[in-house]
Amino acid sequence: MQLIQQNPDIHDYLGSDQAVDHWHQLVQETAETLWSATGDAYSYAKTAFEFVRDTIPHSADSGDLRVAWRASDVLSTRNGICYAKSHALVALLRARGVPAGFCYQRLADDDGANPAVHGLVALRMPGSSRWYRLDPRGNKPGVDAQFSVDGEQLAFPVRPELGEVDYPEVYAAPHPATLTALQESADRPELWRNLPTAL
């Protein structure tokens, strides 16, 4: 799929905001630790992806009822759903100069019911003009998302026959619908009710 960079200025994909607070001390310290173990942008991006995927449980898998949405809070609480984990990964990538943004899918149950928007990350390696999608939600039986800039290996390939959609846009900031759901939910059960069903 051809991804569409929503903002023409690549520098927008290196900036910070209230959700992608990569200036925060914890984000900076985490990025420094991961960078010191790698030393180049490609290895760092892979390590940062695996760090978020593997060491921050998806709250639906862990049973954690807290709702984190700022990247620094996700790293601090080691908790978050796909949107929140995407905020953390984008912050870590941008902290080391790797342009990164947000992509989304519309997914559903096996019968097409209960559609919801799922959050992904897109990154552009320095020197490249191509975007690559990654899914840091966290692996479990039946889910095997991997870091790849050759061919995507996402957690959930879409099933168009069920109304599922790959949205091609790469956003510089979290989509307002996803950010609002996180910010206005007191706990994960409320968040589940607030998840957007489409963009």
Protein backbone atom coordinates (compact mmCIF):
# COMPACT_ATOMS: atom_id res chain seq x y z
CA MET A 1 0.00 0.00 0.00
CA GLN A 2 1.23 3.49 -0.86
CA LEU A 3 1.29 5.59 2.30
CA ILE A 4 0.38 9.27 2.06
CA GLN A 5 2.37 11.79 4.10
CA GLN A 6 -0.33 14.19 5.33
CA ASN A 7 2.04 17.05 6.19
CA PRO A 8 4.42 18.04 3.38
CA ASP A 9 7.17 19.19 5.78
CA ILE A 10 9.12 16.19 7.09
CA HIS A 11 10.12 18.25 10.14
CA ASP A 12 6.51 17.95 11.35
CA TYR A 13 7.28 14.25 11.87
CA LEU A 14 10.07 15.11 14.30
CA GLY A 15 8.14 17.53 16.52
CA SER A 16 6.73 17.14 20.01
CA ASP A 17 3.26 17.78 21.39
CA GLN A 18 1.27 16.87 24.49
CA ALA A 19 1.04 13.18 23.51
CA VAL A 20 4.45 12.82 21.87
CA ASP A 21 6.45 14.48 24.65
CA HIS A 22 9.87 13.35 23.49
CA TRP A 23 11.49 16.25 25.36
CA HIS A 24 10.45 14.57 28.65
CA GLN A 25 13.36 13.32 30.75
CA LEU A 26 12.12 9.72 30.87
CA VAL A 27 11.72 9.58 27.08
CA GLN A 28 15.18 11.09 26.60
CA GLU A 29 16.79 8.69 29.09
CA THR A 30 15.08 5.67 27.53
CA ALA A 31 16.14 6.78 24.05
CA GLU A 32 19.72 7.28 25.22
CA THR A 33 19.83 3.81 26.77
CA LEU A 34 18.46 2.18 23.63
CA TRP A 35 20.75 4.20 21.36
CA SER A 36 23.85 3.27 23.37
CA ALA A 37 23.10 -0.40 22.66
CA THR A 38 22.76 0.18 18.91
CA GLY A 39 24.57 3.18 17.46
CA ASP A 40 22.88 3.61 14.07
CA ALA A 41 19.40 4.71 13.04
CA TYR A 42 18.22 1.39 11.60
CA SER A 43 19.32 -0.69 14.60
CA TYR A 44 17.94 1.93 16.97
CA ALA A 45 14.54 1.97 15.24
CA LYS A 46 14.32 -1.83 15.43
CA THR A 47 15.38 -1.87 19.08
CA ALA A 48 12.94 0.91 20.01
CA PHE A 49 10.11 -0.94 18.25
CA GLU A 50 10.90 -4.20 20.05
CA PHE A 51 11.24 -2.37 23.36
CA VAL A 52 7.74 -0.87 23.10
CA ARG A 53 6.22 -4.03 21.63
CA ASP A 54 7.72 -6.41 24.21
CA THR A 55 8.23 -4.50 27.47
CA ILE A 56 5.03 -2.43 27.60
CA PRO A 57 2.07 -4.82 27.75
CA HIS A 58 -1.09 -3.94 25.86
CA SER A 59 -3.55 -3.22 28.66
CA ALA A 60 -6.15 -5.58 27.17
CA ASP A 61 -3.61 -8.41 27.44
CA SER A 62 -2.39 -7.49 30.92
CA GLY A 63 -5.80 -6.56 32.38
CA ASP A 64 -4.51 -3.12 33.43
CA LEU A 65 -7.46 -0.74 33.77
CA ARG A 66 -5.41 2.47 33.68
CA VAL A 67 -5.49 4.69 30.60
CA ALA A 68 -2.14 6.20 29.68
CA TRP A 69 -1.84 8.48 26.67
CA ARG A 70 1.30 10.65 26.96
CA ALA A 71 4.42 8.88 25.73
CA SER A 72 6.19 9.57 29.03
CA ASP A 73 3.26 8.13 31.00
CA VAL A 74 3.20 5.02 28.81
CA LEU A 75 6.90 4.48 29.51
CA SER A 76 6.43 5.20 33.22
CA THR A 77 3.40 2.98 33.84
CA ARG A 78 4.43 0.30 31.29
CA ASN A 79 0.82 0.25 30.15
CA GLY A 80 -1.26 1.26 27.17
CA ILE A 81 -3.48 0.28 24.29
CA CYS A 82 -2.31 0.46 20.67
CA TYR A 83 -2.75 4.25 20.44
CA ALA A 84 -0.74 4.89 23.59
CA LYS A 85 2.01 2.46 22.65
CA SER A 86 2.22 4.20 19.28
CA HIS A 87 2.70 7.53 21.07
CA ALA A 88 5.60 6.02 23.02
CA LEU A 89 7.29 4.54 19.95
CA VAL A 90 6.92 7.72 17.91
CA ALA A 91 8.41 9.73 20.79
CA LEU A 92 11.39 7.38 21.08
CA LEU A 93 12.01 7.48 17.32
CA ARG A 94 11.76 11.26 17.12
CA ALA A 95 14.02 11.65 20.15
CA ARG A 96 16.82 10.22 17.98
CA GLY A 97 15.96 12.02 14.76
CA VAL A 98 13.97 9.27 13.01
CA PRO A 99 10.87 10.78 11.35
CA ALA A 100 7.77 8.98 12.59
CA GLY A 101 4.01 9.39 12.43
CA PHE A 102 0.70 7.67 13.00
CA CYS A 103 -1.28 5.31 10.78
CA TYR A 104 -4.55 3.53 11.43
CA GLN A 105 -6.63 0.54 10.48
CA ARG A 106 -10.32 -0.17 10.90
CA LEU A 107 -10.67 -3.69 12.29
CA ALA A 108 -13.64 -5.82 13.31
CA ASP A 109 -14.60 -9.12 14.89
CA ASP A 110 -14.60 -12.27 12.78
CA ASP A 111 -18.24 -11.67 11.84
CA GLY A 112 -17.63 -8.02 10.91
CA ALA A 113 -19.27 -6.70 14.09
CA ASN A 114 -17.78 -4.26 16.63
CA PRO A 115 -15.53 -2.24 14.31
CA ALA A 116 -12.80 -0.16 15.96
CA VAL A 117 -9.86 1.92 14.85
CA HIS A 118 -6.45 0.34 15.52
CA GLY A 119 -3.30 2.43 15.87
CA LEU A 120 0.00 1.87 14.05
CA VAL A 121 3.28 3.73 13.60
CA ALA A 122 4.94 4.75 10.35
CA LEU A 123 8.61 5.62 10.17
CA ARG A 124 10.91 6.95 7.49
CA MET A 125 14.55 5.99 7.81
CA PRO A 126 17.01 8.88 7.39
CA GLY A 127 17.99 9.19 3.73
CA SER A 128 14.89 7.36 2.53
CA SER A 129 11.74 8.79 0.96
CA ARG A 130 9.57 5.79 1.82
CA TRP A 131 7.35 5.24 4.85
CA TYR A 132 7.11 1.86 6.59
CA ARG A 133 4.31 0.78 8.93
CA LEU A 134 4.94 -1.00 12.23
CA ASP A 135 2.57 -2.35 14.85
CA PRO A 136 3.89 -2.09 18.43
CA ARG A 137 0.67 -3.40 20.10
CA GLY A 138 2.43 -6.48 21.50
CA ASN A 139 2.51 -10.07 20.36
CA LYS A 140 0.45 -12.94 21.76
CA PRO A 141 -0.77 -16.27 20.39
CA GLY A 142 -2.01 -15.56 16.87
CA VAL A 143 -0.34 -12.13 16.71
CA ASP A 144 3.22 -11.84 15.39
CA ALA A 145 4.09 -8.25 14.45
CA GLN A 146 7.72 -7.72 13.44
CA PHE A 147 10.04 -4.87 12.48
CA SER A 148 10.53 -4.84 8.72
CA VAL A 149 11.40 -2.30 6.04
CA ASP A 150 11.20 -4.96 3.31
CA GLY A 151 7.65 -6.28 3.72
CA GLU A 152 5.11 -5.42 6.38
CA GLN A 153 4.39 -7.85 9.17
CA LEU A 154 1.59 -6.21 11.11
CA ALA A 155 -0.46 -7.71 13.93
CA PHE A 156 -3.68 -7.73 11.90
CA PRO A 157 -3.87 -7.90 8.11
CA VAL A 158 -7.15 -6.30 7.06
CA ARG A 159 -10.08 -8.32 5.74
CA PRO A 160 -11.93 -6.06 3.28
CA GLU A 161 -14.83 -8.52 3.08
CA LEU A 162 -15.57 -7.68 6.73
CA GLY A 163 -15.39 -3.93 6.14
CA GLU A 164 -11.86 -3.64 7.49
CA VAL A 165 -9.70 -0.85 6.08
CA ASP A 166 -6.06 0.19 5.89
CA TYR A 167 -6.05 3.99 6.08
CA PRO A 168 -3.13 5.22 3.92
CA GLU A 169 -2.50 8.53 5.67
CA VAL A 170 0.57 9.13 7.83
CA TYR A 171 -0.34 11.76 10.41
CA ALA A 172 2.24 13.91 12.19
CA ALA A 173 0.05 14.04 15.32
CA PRO A 174 -2.31 11.46 16.79
CA HIS A 175 -5.71 11.54 15.11
CA PRO A 176 -8.10 13.68 17.20
CA ALA A 177 -10.63 10.84 17.46
CA THR A 178 -8.10 8.50 19.05
CA LEU A 179 -6.59 11.13 21.32
CA THR A 180 -10.03 12.25 22.55
CA ALA A 181 -10.98 8.66 23.35
CA LEU A 182 -7.86 8.29 25.50
CA GLN A 183 -8.16 11.64 27.24
CA GLU A 184 -11.87 11.36 28.05
CA SER A 185 -11.83 7.82 29.44
CA ALA A 186 -11.37 7.28 33.16
CA ASP A 187 -10.54 3.58 32.77
CA ARG A 188 -10.18 0.92 30.10
CA PRO A 189 -13.85 -0.23 30.17
CA GLU A 190 -14.90 3.35 29.44
CA LEU A 191 -12.19 3.60 26.79
CA TRP A 192 -13.56 0.50 25.06
CA ARG A 193 -16.94 2.30 24.80
CA ASN A 194 -15.25 5.45 23.46
CA LEU A 195 -13.09 3.85 20.77
CA PRO A 196 -13.75 5.39 17.36
CA THR A 197 -15.31 2.97 14.88
CA ALA A 198 -13.92 4.74 11.79
CA LEU A 199 -11.86 7.75 10.74
